[in-house]
Amino acid sequence: MHFNGPVVRPGTDADSVIIEVTVGCTQNSCTFCNFYRGFPFSVAPISQVEEDLKEASLLYPHAKRAWASGGNPFALSVARLEELAKLFKKYIPEANIATYGRITDFYNKSVEEIGHLRELGINDIVVGIESGDDEVLEHVKKGYNAADIVRECKKLEEAGMIYRVIYLGGLAGKDKCVQSALNSVRVLNQIHPSYMFLTNVSILPDTELYEEIKAGKFEESSEKERLQEIRALIANMDNRITVDTANASSSVIFKADLPEEKEALVAELDKFIENFSAAQEELLHRRRAMMRSV
């Protein structure tokens, strides 16, 4: 198998057949991210992809899930994605194909084209929206705004594409997280992802956000405020969705189906926040400060 760049995928996709189709991310300038530093965006040769799929087919001929690896492979042209989808189906025909996509990747793809790719097997896209707050999105250099998120996610929905989103708590900084969650909810309640990875930012070395903190230009939110942000988000979401916080940067772990479990979850979060101690704050902050990757 060939891997020329970092393999980044959601925890839920750990058991997928992982095939590199791109390296790096087309944006690669988000201020909080160090995943692809030193790995400019490039496209894996079709010959490499086919060789890896042949190898995978010998071990997992009946695989049900595949992960097309790279920072945002959905940035590729429709023609290239179609070629890849057909290759995946040739060698692991029973597998549904999931991958990462940025909001900007959907700009030049029509509803019909996205629907066509879904029919070919690329039928699950993970989108790191991170926030629905325009001020936050601009500050961390995501390259799009809240209106873009709503418009492009609705395009995915019209095409029948399953998609999951990533929300990155703590990005707004000290004393701004709860309001940022409320701003984000106005976006989230207009779209219909099937799943949300509710993660939390850790300030990692070799990132612009790390340098901003050193220069006194950004102040990190407390652990308690991050919990309050999560609570505000959950309490105000109206859509039917599974919310999952199981990741290395979380200080509270749960997986809940909304709206069925919303009331009980909010009550548990309220209890946890009410009893949250200074010792817990210090311990969790120290743990987060020691992180070098997520």
C-alpha atoms as a PDB file:
ATOM      1  CA  MET A   1       0.000   0.000   0.000  1.00  0.00           C
ATOM      2  CA  HIS A   2       1.179   3.515  -0.785  1.00  0.00           C
ATOM      3  CA  PHE A   3       0.828   6.407   1.665  1.00  0.00           C
ATOM      4  CA  ASN A   4       2.769   9.514   0.728  1.00  0.00           C
ATOM      5  CA  GLY A   5       1.051  11.828   3.185  1.00  0.00           C
ATOM      6  CA  PRO A   6      -0.715  11.715   6.556  1.00  0.00           C
ATOM      7  CA  VAL A   7      -3.713   9.419   6.893  1.00  0.00           C
ATOM      8  CA  VAL A   8      -6.469  11.433   8.557  1.00  0.00           C
ATOM      9  CA  ARG A   9      -9.935   9.933   8.943  1.00  0.00           C
ATOM     10  CA  PRO A  10     -12.794   9.963  11.469  1.00  0.00           C
ATOM     11  CA  GLY A  11     -12.733   7.387  14.233  1.00  0.00           C
ATOM     12  CA  THR A  12     -15.928   5.913  12.823  1.00  0.00           C
ATOM     13  CA  ASP A  13     -14.072   4.983   9.639  1.00  0.00           C
ATOM     14  CA  ALA A  14     -11.136   3.169  11.249  1.00  0.00           C
ATOM     15  CA  ASP A  15     -12.301  -0.209   9.943  1.00  0.00           C
ATOM     16  CA  SER A  16     -12.680   0.974   6.351  1.00  0.00           C
ATOM     17  CA  VAL A  17     -10.325  -0.046   3.561  1.00  0.00           C
ATOM     18  CA  ILE A  18      -8.145   3.069   3.327  1.00  0.00           C
ATOM     19  CA  ILE A  19      -6.824   4.032  -0.101  1.00  0.00           C
ATOM     20  CA  GLU A  20      -4.825   7.198  -0.758  1.00  0.00           C
ATOM     21  CA  VAL A  21      -6.289   9.216  -3.628  1.00  0.00           C
ATOM     22  CA  THR A  22      -4.854  12.641  -2.788  1.00  0.00           C
ATOM     23  CA  VAL A  23      -2.199  14.037  -0.449  1.00  0.00           C
ATOM     24  CA  GLY A  24      -2.667  17.192   1.601  1.00  0.00           C
ATOM     25  CA  CYS A  25      -5.452  19.780   1.538  1.00  0.00           C
ATOM     26  CA  THR A  26      -6.273  22.395  -1.095  1.00  0.00           C
ATOM     27  CA  GLN A  27      -6.703  25.044   1.637  1.00  0.00           C
ATOM     28  CA  ASN A  28      -3.867  24.099   4.022  1.00  0.00           C
ATOM     29  CA  SER A  29      -3.968  27.503   5.725  1.00  0.00           C
ATOM     30  CA  CYS A  30      -6.581  27.088   8.477  1.00  0.00           C
ATOM     31  CA  THR A  31      -5.004  28.681  11.524  1.00  0.00           C
ATOM     32  CA  PHE A  32      -5.693  25.775  13.906  1.00  0.00           C
ATOM     33  CA  CYS A  33      -4.569  22.855  11.729  1.00  0.00           C
ATOM     34  CA  ASN A  34      -1.175  21.185  11.394  1.00  0.00           C
ATOM     35  CA  PHE A  35      -2.336  17.948   9.759  1.00  0.00           C
ATOM     36  CA  TYR A  36      -0.867  18.653   6.335  1.00  0.00           C
ATOM     37  CA  ARG A  37       2.051  20.981   7.050  1.00  0.00           C
ATOM     38  CA  GLY A  38       4.815  20.069   4.615  1.00  0.00           C
ATOM     39  CA  PHE A  39       2.441  18.140   2.363  1.00  0.00           C
ATOM     40  CA  PRO A  40       1.182  20.356  -0.469  1.00  0.00           C
ATOM     41  CA  PHE A  41      -1.907  19.123  -2.252  1.00  0.00           C
ATOM     42  CA  SER A  42      -1.216  16.511  -4.877  1.00  0.00           C
ATOM     43  CA  VAL A  43      -3.149  13.788  -6.670  1.00  0.00           C
ATOM     44  CA  ALA A  44      -2.229  10.123  -6.414  1.00  0.00           C
ATOM     45  CA  PRO A  45      -1.573   8.518  -9.809  1.00  0.00           C
ATOM     46  CA  ILE A  46      -4.370   6.263 -11.007  1.00  0.00           C
ATOM     47  CA  SER A  47      -1.812   3.452 -11.332  1.00  0.00           C
ATOM     48  CA  GLN A  48      -1.016   3.754  -7.610  1.00  0.00           C
ATOM     49  CA  VAL A  49      -4.693   3.731  -6.644  1.00  0.00           C
ATOM     50  CA  GLU A  50      -5.345   0.666  -8.788  1.00  0.00           C
ATOM     51  CA  GLU A  51      -2.342  -1.189  -7.394  1.00  0.00           C
ATOM     52  CA  ASP A  52      -3.505  -0.502  -3.826  1.00  0.00           C
ATOM     53  CA  LEU A  53      -7.071  -1.541  -4.611  1.00  0.00           C
ATOM     54  CA  LYS A  54      -5.808  -4.806  -6.130  1.00  0.00           C
ATOM     55  CA  GLU A  55      -3.887  -5.490  -2.922  1.00  0.00           C
ATOM     56  CA  ALA A  56      -6.903  -4.597  -0.766  1.00  0.00           C
ATOM     57  CA  SER A  57      -9.164  -6.854  -2.813  1.00  0.00           C
ATOM     58  CA  LEU A  58      -7.000  -9.867  -1.982  1.00  0.00           C
ATOM     59  CA  LEU A  59      -7.458  -9.295   1.751  1.00  0.00           C
ATOM     60  CA  TYR A  60     -10.904  -7.723   1.898  1.00  0.00           C
ATOM     61  CA  PRO A  61     -12.846  -8.709  -1.234  1.00  0.00           C
ATOM     62  CA  HIS A  62     -16.180  -8.234   0.559  1.00  0.00           C
ATOM     63  CA  ALA A  63     -15.345  -4.965   2.336  1.00  0.00           C
ATOM     64  CA  LYS A  64     -18.444  -2.879   3.003  1.00  0.00           C
ATOM     65  CA  ARG A  65     -16.732   0.468   3.521  1.00  0.00           C
ATOM     66  CA  ALA A  66     -13.811   2.260   1.906  1.00  0.00           C
ATOM     67  CA  TRP A  67     -12.149   5.545   2.827  1.00  0.00           C
ATOM     68  CA  ALA A  68     -10.719   7.600  -0.030  1.00  0.00           C
ATOM     69  CA  SER A  69      -7.847   9.200   1.848  1.00  0.00           C
ATOM     70  CA  GLY A  70      -6.584  12.771   1.566  1.00  0.00           C
ATOM     71  CA  GLY A  71      -7.355  16.189   3.002  1.00  0.00           C
ATOM     72  CA  ASN A  72     -10.277  16.809   0.649  1.00  0.00           C
ATOM     73  CA  PRO A  73     -10.404  14.436  -2.323  1.00  0.00           C
ATOM     74  CA  PHE A  74     -13.795  15.801  -3.343  1.00  0.00           C
ATOM     75  CA  ALA A  75     -11.866  18.778  -4.746  1.00  0.00           C
ATOM     76  CA  LEU A  76     -10.982  16.556  -7.702  1.00  0.00           C
ATOM     77  CA  SER A  77     -12.870  16.963 -10.944  1.00  0.00           C
ATOM     78  CA  VAL A  78     -16.084  15.042 -11.516  1.00  0.00           C
ATOM     79  CA  ALA A  79     -14.325  13.057 -14.250  1.00  0.00           C
ATOM     80  CA  ARG A  80     -11.483  12.035 -11.913  1.00  0.00           C
ATOM     81  CA  LEU A  81     -13.899  11.140  -9.093  1.00  0.00           C
ATOM     82  CA  GLU A  82     -15.944   9.076 -11.542  1.00  0.00           C
ATOM     83  CA  GLU A  83     -12.800   7.217 -12.633  1.00  0.00           C
ATOM     84  CA  LEU A  84     -11.882   6.554  -8.998  1.00  0.00           C
ATOM     85  CA  ALA A  85     -15.382   5.384  -8.079  1.00  0.00           C
ATOM     86  CA  LYS A  86     -15.357   2.873 -10.926  1.00  0.00           C
ATOM     87  CA  LEU A  87     -11.957   1.560  -9.843  1.00  0.00           C
ATOM     88  CA  PHE A  88     -13.134   1.104  -6.251  1.00  0.00           C
ATOM     89  CA  LYS A  89     -16.201  -0.781  -7.500  1.00  0.00           C
ATOM     90  CA  LYS A  90     -14.068  -2.966  -9.764  1.00  0.00           C
ATOM     91  CA  TYR A  91     -11.930  -4.256  -6.910  1.00  0.00           C
ATOM     92  CA  ILE A  92     -14.140  -3.961  -3.813  1.00  0.00           C
ATOM     93  CA  PRO A  93     -17.613  -3.887  -5.371  1.00  0.00           C
ATOM     94  CA  GLU A  94     -19.608  -4.132  -2.142  1.00  0.00           C
ATOM     95  CA  ALA A  95     -17.972  -1.099  -0.523  1.00  0.00           C
ATOM     96  CA  ASN A  96     -19.577   2.284  -0.010  1.00  0.00           C
ATOM     97  CA  ILE A  97     -16.978   5.018  -0.457  1.00  0.00           C
ATOM     98  CA  ALA A  98     -16.556   7.837   2.066  1.00  0.00           C
ATOM     99  CA  THR A  99     -14.155  10.774   1.903  1.00  0.00           C
ATOM    100  CA  TYR A 100     -13.475  14.320   3.061  1.00  0.00           C
ATOM    101  CA  GLY A 101     -14.822  17.353   1.217  1.00  0.00           C
ATOM    102  CA  ARG A 102     -14.576  21.096   1.827  1.00  0.00           C
ATOM    103  CA  ILE A 103     -17.509  23.440   1.296  1.00  0.00           C
ATOM    104  CA  THR A 104     -15.544  25.030  -1.557  1.00  0.00           C
ATOM    105  CA  ASP A 105     -15.251  21.635  -3.282  1.00  0.00           C
ATOM    106  CA  PHE A 106     -18.964  21.695  -4.090  1.00  0.00           C
ATOM    107  CA  TYR A 107     -19.011  25.156  -5.733  1.00  0.00           C
ATOM    108  CA  ASN A 108     -18.331  23.898  -9.254  1.00  0.00           C
ATOM    109  CA  LYS A 109     -20.242  20.624  -9.019  1.00  0.00           C
ATOM    110  CA  SER A 110     -23.909  20.548  -9.953  1.00  0.00           C
ATOM    111  CA  VAL A 111     -26.618  18.691  -8.080  1.00  0.00           C
ATOM    112  CA  GLU A 112     -26.793  16.254 -10.996  1.00  0.00           C
ATOM    113  CA  GLU A 113     -23.039  15.616 -10.943  1.00  0.00           C
ATOM    114  CA  ILE A 114     -23.006  15.028  -7.195  1.00  0.00           C
ATOM    115  CA  GLY A 115     -25.971  12.686  -7.566  1.00  0.00           C
ATOM    116  CA  HIS A 116     -24.143  10.809 -10.318  1.00  0.00           C
ATOM    117  CA  LEU A 117     -21.102  10.296  -8.070  1.00  0.00           C
ATOM    118  CA  ARG A 118     -23.388   9.072  -5.303  1.00  0.00           C
ATOM    119  CA  GLU A 119     -24.870   6.492  -7.658  1.00  0.00           C
ATOM    120  CA  LEU A 120     -21.358   5.324  -8.521  1.00  0.00           C
ATOM    121  CA  GLY A 121     -20.621   4.663  -4.851  1.00  0.00           C
ATOM    122  CA  ILE A 122     -19.106   7.866  -3.448  1.00  0.00           C
ATOM    123  CA  ASN A 123     -22.014   8.269  -1.092  1.00  0.00           C
ATOM    124  CA  ASP A 124     -20.728   9.654   2.215  1.00  0.00           C
ATOM    125  CA  ILE A 125     -18.842  12.939   2.542  1.00  0.00           C
ATOM    126  CA  VAL A 126     -17.370  14.280   5.791  1.00  0.00           C
ATOM    127  CA  VAL A 127     -17.314  18.087   5.777  1.00  0.00           C
ATOM    128  CA  GLY A 128     -15.298  20.019   8.357  1.00  0.00           C
ATOM    129  CA  ILE A 129     -17.460  23.098   8.594  1.00  0.00           C
ATOM    130  CA  GLU A 130     -15.913  23.798  12.061  1.00  0.00           C
ATOM    131  CA  SER A 131     -18.374  26.629  12.811  1.00  0.00           C
ATOM    132  CA  GLY A 132     -21.379  28.481  11.483  1.00  0.00           C
ATOM    133  CA  ASP A 133     -20.166  31.811  12.892  1.00  0.00           C
ATOM    134  CA  ASP A 134     -18.869  34.152  10.188  1.00  0.00           C
ATOM    135  CA  GLU A 135     -16.449  35.934  12.521  1.00  0.00           C
ATOM    136  CA  VAL A 136     -14.874  32.632  13.542  1.00  0.00           C
ATOM    137  CA  LEU A 137     -14.748  31.284   9.986  1.00  0.00           C
ATOM    138  CA  GLU A 138     -12.957  34.419   8.810  1.00  0.00           C
ATOM    139  CA  HIS A 139     -10.523  34.444  11.721  1.00  0.00           C
ATOM    140  CA  VAL A 140      -9.425  30.821  11.207  1.00  0.00           C
ATOM    141  CA  LYS A 141      -9.219  31.245   7.397  1.00  0.00           C
ATOM    142  CA  LYS A 142     -11.692  28.558   6.362  1.00  0.00           C
ATOM    143  CA  GLY A 143     -12.286  30.275   3.022  1.00  0.00           C
ATOM    144  CA  TYR A 144     -16.102  30.365   3.144  1.00  0.00           C
ATOM    145  CA  ASN A 145     -18.922  31.806   5.252  1.00  0.00           C
ATOM    146  CA  ALA A 146     -22.142  30.629   6.873  1.00  0.00           C
ATOM    147  CA  ALA A 147     -24.258  31.341   3.795  1.00  0.00           C
ATOM    148  CA  ASP A 148     -21.887  29.205   1.708  1.00  0.00           C
ATOM    149  CA  ILE A 149     -22.315  26.315   4.157  1.00  0.00           C
ATOM    150  CA  VAL A 150     -26.106  26.432   3.929  1.00  0.00           C
ATOM    151  CA  ARG A 151     -26.177  26.761   0.137  1.00  0.00           C
ATOM    152  CA  GLU A 152     -23.715  23.962  -0.579  1.00  0.00           C
ATOM    153  CA  CYS A 153     -25.085  21.541   2.024  1.00  0.00           C
ATOM    154  CA  LYS A 154     -28.548  21.993   0.562  1.00  0.00           C
ATOM    155  CA  LYS A 155     -27.035  21.065  -2.792  1.00  0.00           C
ATOM    156  CA  LEU A 156     -25.741  17.814  -1.263  1.00  0.00           C
ATOM    157  CA  GLU A 157     -29.189  17.129   0.168  1.00  0.00           C
ATOM    158  CA  GLU A 158     -30.880  17.738  -3.178  1.00  0.00           C
ATOM    159  CA  ALA A 159     -28.452  15.236  -4.727  1.00  0.00           C
ATOM    160  CA  GLY A 160     -29.356  12.647  -2.082  1.00  0.00           C
ATOM    161  CA  MET A 161     -25.782  12.612  -0.757  1.00  0.00           C
ATOM    162  CA  ILE A 162     -25.229  11.407   2.804  1.00  0.00           C
ATOM    163  CA  TYR A 163     -22.954  13.840   4.580  1.00  0.00           C
ATOM    164  CA  ARG A 164     -21.494  14.273   8.033  1.00  0.00           C
ATOM    165  CA  VAL A 165     -20.111  17.474   9.535  1.00  0.00           C
ATOM    166  CA  ILE A 166     -17.382  18.385  11.997  1.00  0.00           C
ATOM    167  CA  TYR A 167     -17.923  21.176  14.549  1.00  0.00           C
ATOM    168  CA  LEU A 168     -14.799  22.459  16.283  1.00  0.00           C
ATOM    169  CA  GLY A 169     -15.591  23.935  19.695  1.00  0.00           C
ATOM    170  CA  GLY A 170     -13.435  26.575  21.353  1.00  0.00           C
ATOM    171  CA  LEU A 171     -12.525  28.339  18.097  1.00  0.00           C
ATOM    172  CA  ALA A 172     -14.167  31.608  19.102  1.00  0.00           C
ATOM    173  CA  GLY A 173     -11.847  32.092  22.059  1.00  0.00           C
ATOM    174  CA  LYS A 174     -12.374  33.295  25.608  1.00  0.00           C
ATOM    175  CA  ASP A 175     -15.871  34.576  26.512  1.00  0.00           C
ATOM    176  CA  LYS A 176     -17.166  34.127  22.946  1.00  0.00           C
ATOM    177  CA  CYS A 177     -17.887  30.403  22.664  1.00  0.00           C
ATOM    178  CA  VAL A 178     -21.519  30.299  23.822  1.00  0.00           C
ATOM    179  CA  GLN A 179     -22.562  33.104  21.499  1.00  0.00           C
ATOM    180  CA  SER A 180     -20.612  31.450  18.689  1.00  0.00           C
ATOM    181  CA  ALA A 181     -22.550  28.224  19.321  1.00  0.00           C
ATOM    182  CA  LEU A 182     -25.842  30.124  19.067  1.00  0.00           C
ATOM    183  CA  ASN A 183     -24.691  31.723  15.810  1.00  0.00           C
ATOM    184  CA  SER A 184     -23.709  28.280  14.512  1.00  0.00           C
ATOM    185  CA  VAL A 185     -27.044  26.742  15.465  1.00  0.00           C
ATOM    186  CA  ARG A 186     -28.778  29.124  13.073  1.00  0.00           C
ATOM    187  CA  VAL A 187     -26.789  27.438  10.300  1.00  0.00           C
ATOM    188  CA  LEU A 188     -27.068  23.874  11.597  1.00  0.00           C
ATOM    189  CA  ASN A 189     -30.838  24.118  11.901  1.00  0.00           C
ATOM    190  CA  GLN A 190     -31.097  24.926   8.197  1.00  0.00           C
ATOM    191  CA  ILE A 191     -29.202  21.843   7.005  1.00  0.00           C
ATOM    192  CA  HIS A 192     -29.608  18.099   7.529  1.00  0.00           C
ATOM    193  CA  PRO A 193     -26.341  16.217   8.021  1.00  0.00           C
ATOM    194  CA  SER A 194     -26.801  12.684   9.322  1.00  0.00           C
ATOM    195  CA  TYR A 195     -23.996  12.930  11.876  1.00  0.00           C
ATOM    196  CA  MET A 196     -21.936  15.572  13.664  1.00  0.00           C
ATOM    197  CA  PHE A 197     -18.477  15.026  15.101  1.00  0.00           C
ATOM    198  CA  LEU A 198     -18.438  17.497  17.978  1.00  0.00           C
ATOM    199  CA  THR A 199     -14.737  18.119  18.531  1.00  0.00           C
ATOM    200  CA  ASN A 200     -12.762  20.771  20.420  1.00  0.00           C
ATOM    201  CA  VAL A 201      -9.759  22.757  19.314  1.00  0.00           C
ATOM    202  CA  SER A 202      -6.390  22.155  20.903  1.00  0.00           C
ATOM    203  CA  ILE A 203      -3.725  24.739  20.224  1.00  0.00           C
ATOM    204  CA  LEU A 204      -1.082  22.765  18.362  1.00  0.00           C
ATOM    205  CA  PRO A 205       2.529  23.745  17.615  1.00  0.00           C
ATOM    206  CA  ASP A 206       3.297  24.791  14.055  1.00  0.00           C
ATOM    207  CA  THR A 207      -0.065  26.519  13.668  1.00  0.00           C
ATOM    208  CA  GLU A 208      -0.925  30.170  13.207  1.00  0.00           C
ATOM    209  CA  LEU A 209      -3.312  30.021  16.173  1.00  0.00           C
ATOM    210  CA  TYR A 210      -0.438  28.875  18.392  1.00  0.00           C
ATOM    211  CA  GLU A 211       1.571  31.918  17.303  1.00  0.00           C
ATOM    212  CA  GLU A 212      -1.418  34.194  17.931  1.00  0.00           C
ATOM    213  CA  ILE A 213      -1.597  32.994  21.530  1.00  0.00           C
ATOM    214  CA  LYS A 214       2.146  33.520  22.032  1.00  0.00           C
ATOM    215  CA  ALA A 215       1.760  37.053  20.655  1.00  0.00           C
ATOM    216  CA  GLY A 216      -1.237  37.789  22.876  1.00  0.00           C
ATOM    217  CA  LYS A 217      -3.589  38.154  19.898  1.00  0.00           C
ATOM    218  CA  PHE A 218      -5.889  35.276  20.857  1.00  0.00           C
ATOM    219  CA  GLU A 219      -6.961  34.028  24.288  1.00  0.00           C
ATOM    220  CA  GLU A 220      -7.970  30.421  24.682  1.00  0.00           C
ATOM    221  CA  SER A 221     -11.353  29.599  26.174  1.00  0.00           C
ATOM    222  CA  SER A 222     -11.529  27.737  29.473  1.00  0.00           C
ATOM    223  CA  GLU A 223     -12.561  24.099  29.673  1.00  0.00           C
ATOM    224  CA  LYS A 224     -15.758  25.097  31.458  1.00  0.00           C
ATOM    225  CA  GLU A 225     -16.649  27.549  28.704  1.00  0.00           C
ATOM    226  CA  ARG A 226     -16.112  24.807  26.135  1.00  0.00           C
ATOM    227  CA  LEU A 227     -18.611  22.654  28.021  1.00  0.00           C
ATOM    228  CA  GLN A 228     -21.065  25.549  28.070  1.00  0.00           C
ATOM    229  CA  GLU A 229     -20.610  25.898  24.307  1.00  0.00           C
ATOM    230  CA  ILE A 230     -21.472  22.231  23.813  1.00  0.00           C
ATOM    231  CA  ARG A 231     -24.507  22.625  26.049  1.00  0.00           C
ATOM    232  CA  ALA A 232     -25.722  25.686  24.115  1.00  0.00           C
ATOM    233  CA  LEU A 233     -25.266  23.866  20.831  1.00  0.00           C
ATOM    234  CA  ILE A 234     -27.160  20.730  21.875  1.00  0.00           C
ATOM    235  CA  ALA A 235     -29.965  22.605  23.635  1.00  0.00           C
ATOM    236  CA  ASN A 236     -30.751  24.725  20.592  1.00  0.00           C
ATOM    237  CA  MET A 237     -30.416  22.223  17.756  1.00  0.00           C
ATOM    238  CA  ASP A 238     -33.724  21.237  16.153  1.00  0.00           C
ATOM    239  CA  ASN A 239     -32.608  18.819  13.456  1.00  0.00           C
ATOM    240  CA  ARG A 240     -32.571  15.035  13.611  1.00  0.00           C
ATOM    241  CA  ILE A 241     -28.909  14.086  13.919  1.00  0.00           C
ATOM    242  CA  THR A 242     -26.433  11.876  15.755  1.00  0.00           C
ATOM    243  CA  VAL A 243     -23.892  13.884  17.776  1.00  0.00           C
ATOM    244  CA  ASP A 244     -20.612  12.197  18.680  1.00  0.00           C
ATOM    245  CA  THR A 245     -17.878  13.684  20.888  1.00  0.00           C
ATOM    246  CA  ALA A 246     -15.609  10.613  20.968  1.00  0.00           C
ATOM    247  CA  ASN A 247     -12.247  12.092  19.994  1.00  0.00           C
ATOM    248  CA  ALA A 248      -8.894  12.862  21.594  1.00  0.00           C
ATOM    249  CA  SER A 249      -9.653  16.535  22.195  1.00  0.00           C
ATOM    250  CA  SER A 250     -12.944  16.097  24.048  1.00  0.00           C
ATOM    251  CA  SER A 251     -13.378  16.576  27.790  1.00  0.00           C
ATOM    252  CA  VAL A 252     -16.828  14.985  27.827  1.00  0.00           C
ATOM    253  CA  ILE A 253     -17.676  11.868  25.843  1.00  0.00           C
ATOM    254  CA  PHE A 254     -21.136  11.008  24.579  1.00  0.00           C
ATOM    255  CA  LYS A 255     -22.969   9.840  21.501  1.00  0.00           C
ATOM    256  CA  ALA A 256     -26.596  10.904  21.282  1.00  0.00           C
ATOM    257  CA  ASP A 257     -29.443  10.832  18.799  1.00  0.00           C
ATOM    258  CA  LEU A 258     -31.316  14.120  18.644  1.00  0.00           C
ATOM    259  CA  PRO A 259     -34.039  15.054  19.297  1.00  0.00           C
ATOM    260  CA  GLU A 260     -34.919  11.831  21.156  1.00  0.00           C
ATOM    261  CA  GLU A 261     -32.082  12.096  23.691  1.00  0.00           C
ATOM    262  CA  LYS A 262     -31.719  15.875  23.769  1.00  0.00           C
ATOM    263  CA  GLU A 263     -33.602  16.599  26.997  1.00  0.00           C
ATOM    264  CA  ALA A 264     -31.756  13.943  29.005  1.00  0.00           C
ATOM    265  CA  LEU A 265     -28.394  14.956  27.547  1.00  0.00           C
ATOM    266  CA  VAL A 266     -28.868  18.653  28.333  1.00  0.00           C
ATOM    267  CA  ALA A 267     -29.818  17.738  31.920  1.00  0.00           C
ATOM    268  CA  GLU A 268     -26.628  15.671  32.262  1.00  0.00           C
ATOM    269  CA  LEU A 269     -24.526  18.482  30.811  1.00  0.00           C
ATOM    270  CA  ASP A 270     -26.117  20.978  33.204  1.00  0.00           C
ATOM    271  CA  LYS A 271     -25.246  18.711  36.140  1.00  0.00           C
ATOM    272  CA  PHE A 272     -21.692  18.242  34.913  1.00  0.00           C
ATOM    273  CA  ILE A 273     -21.156  21.982  34.385  1.00  0.00           C
ATOM    274  CA  GLU A 274     -22.677  22.866  37.768  1.00  0.00           C
ATOM    275  CA  ASN A 275     -20.276  20.509  39.561  1.00  0.00           C
ATOM    276  CA  PHE A 276     -17.253  21.312  37.396  1.00  0.00           C
ATOM    277  CA  SER A 277     -14.381  22.105  39.761  1.00  0.00           C
ATOM    278  CA  ALA A 278     -11.242  24.226  39.567  1.00  0.00           C
ATOM    279  CA  ALA A 279      -9.221  20.996  39.857  1.00  0.00           C
ATOM    280  CA  GLN A 280     -10.995  19.546  36.810  1.00  0.00           C
ATOM    281  CA  GLU A 281     -10.367  22.787  34.917  1.00  0.00           C
ATOM    282  CA  GLU A 282      -6.656  22.642  35.672  1.00  0.00           C
ATOM    283  CA  LEU A 283      -6.332  18.947  34.866  1.00  0.00           C
ATOM    284  CA  LEU A 284      -8.150  19.166  31.531  1.00  0.00           C
ATOM    285  CA  HIS A 285      -6.330  22.339  30.513  1.00  0.00           C
ATOM    286  CA  ARG A 286      -2.955  20.727  31.288  1.00  0.00           C
ATOM    287  CA  ARG A 287      -3.893  17.671  29.261  1.00  0.00           C
ATOM    288  CA  ARG A 288      -4.958  19.811  26.292  1.00  0.00           C
ATOM    289  CA  ALA A 289      -1.774  21.896  26.466  1.00  0.00           C
ATOM    290  CA  MET A 290       0.330  18.730  26.156  1.00  0.00           C
ATOM    291  CA  MET A 291      -1.330  17.651  22.903  1.00  0.00           C
ATOM    292  CA  ARG A 292       0.804  17.788  19.768  1.00  0.00           C
ATOM    293  CA  SER A 293      -1.773  16.375  17.376  1.00  0.00           C
ATOM    294  CA  VAL A 294      -5.399  15.247  17.436  1.00  0.00           C
END
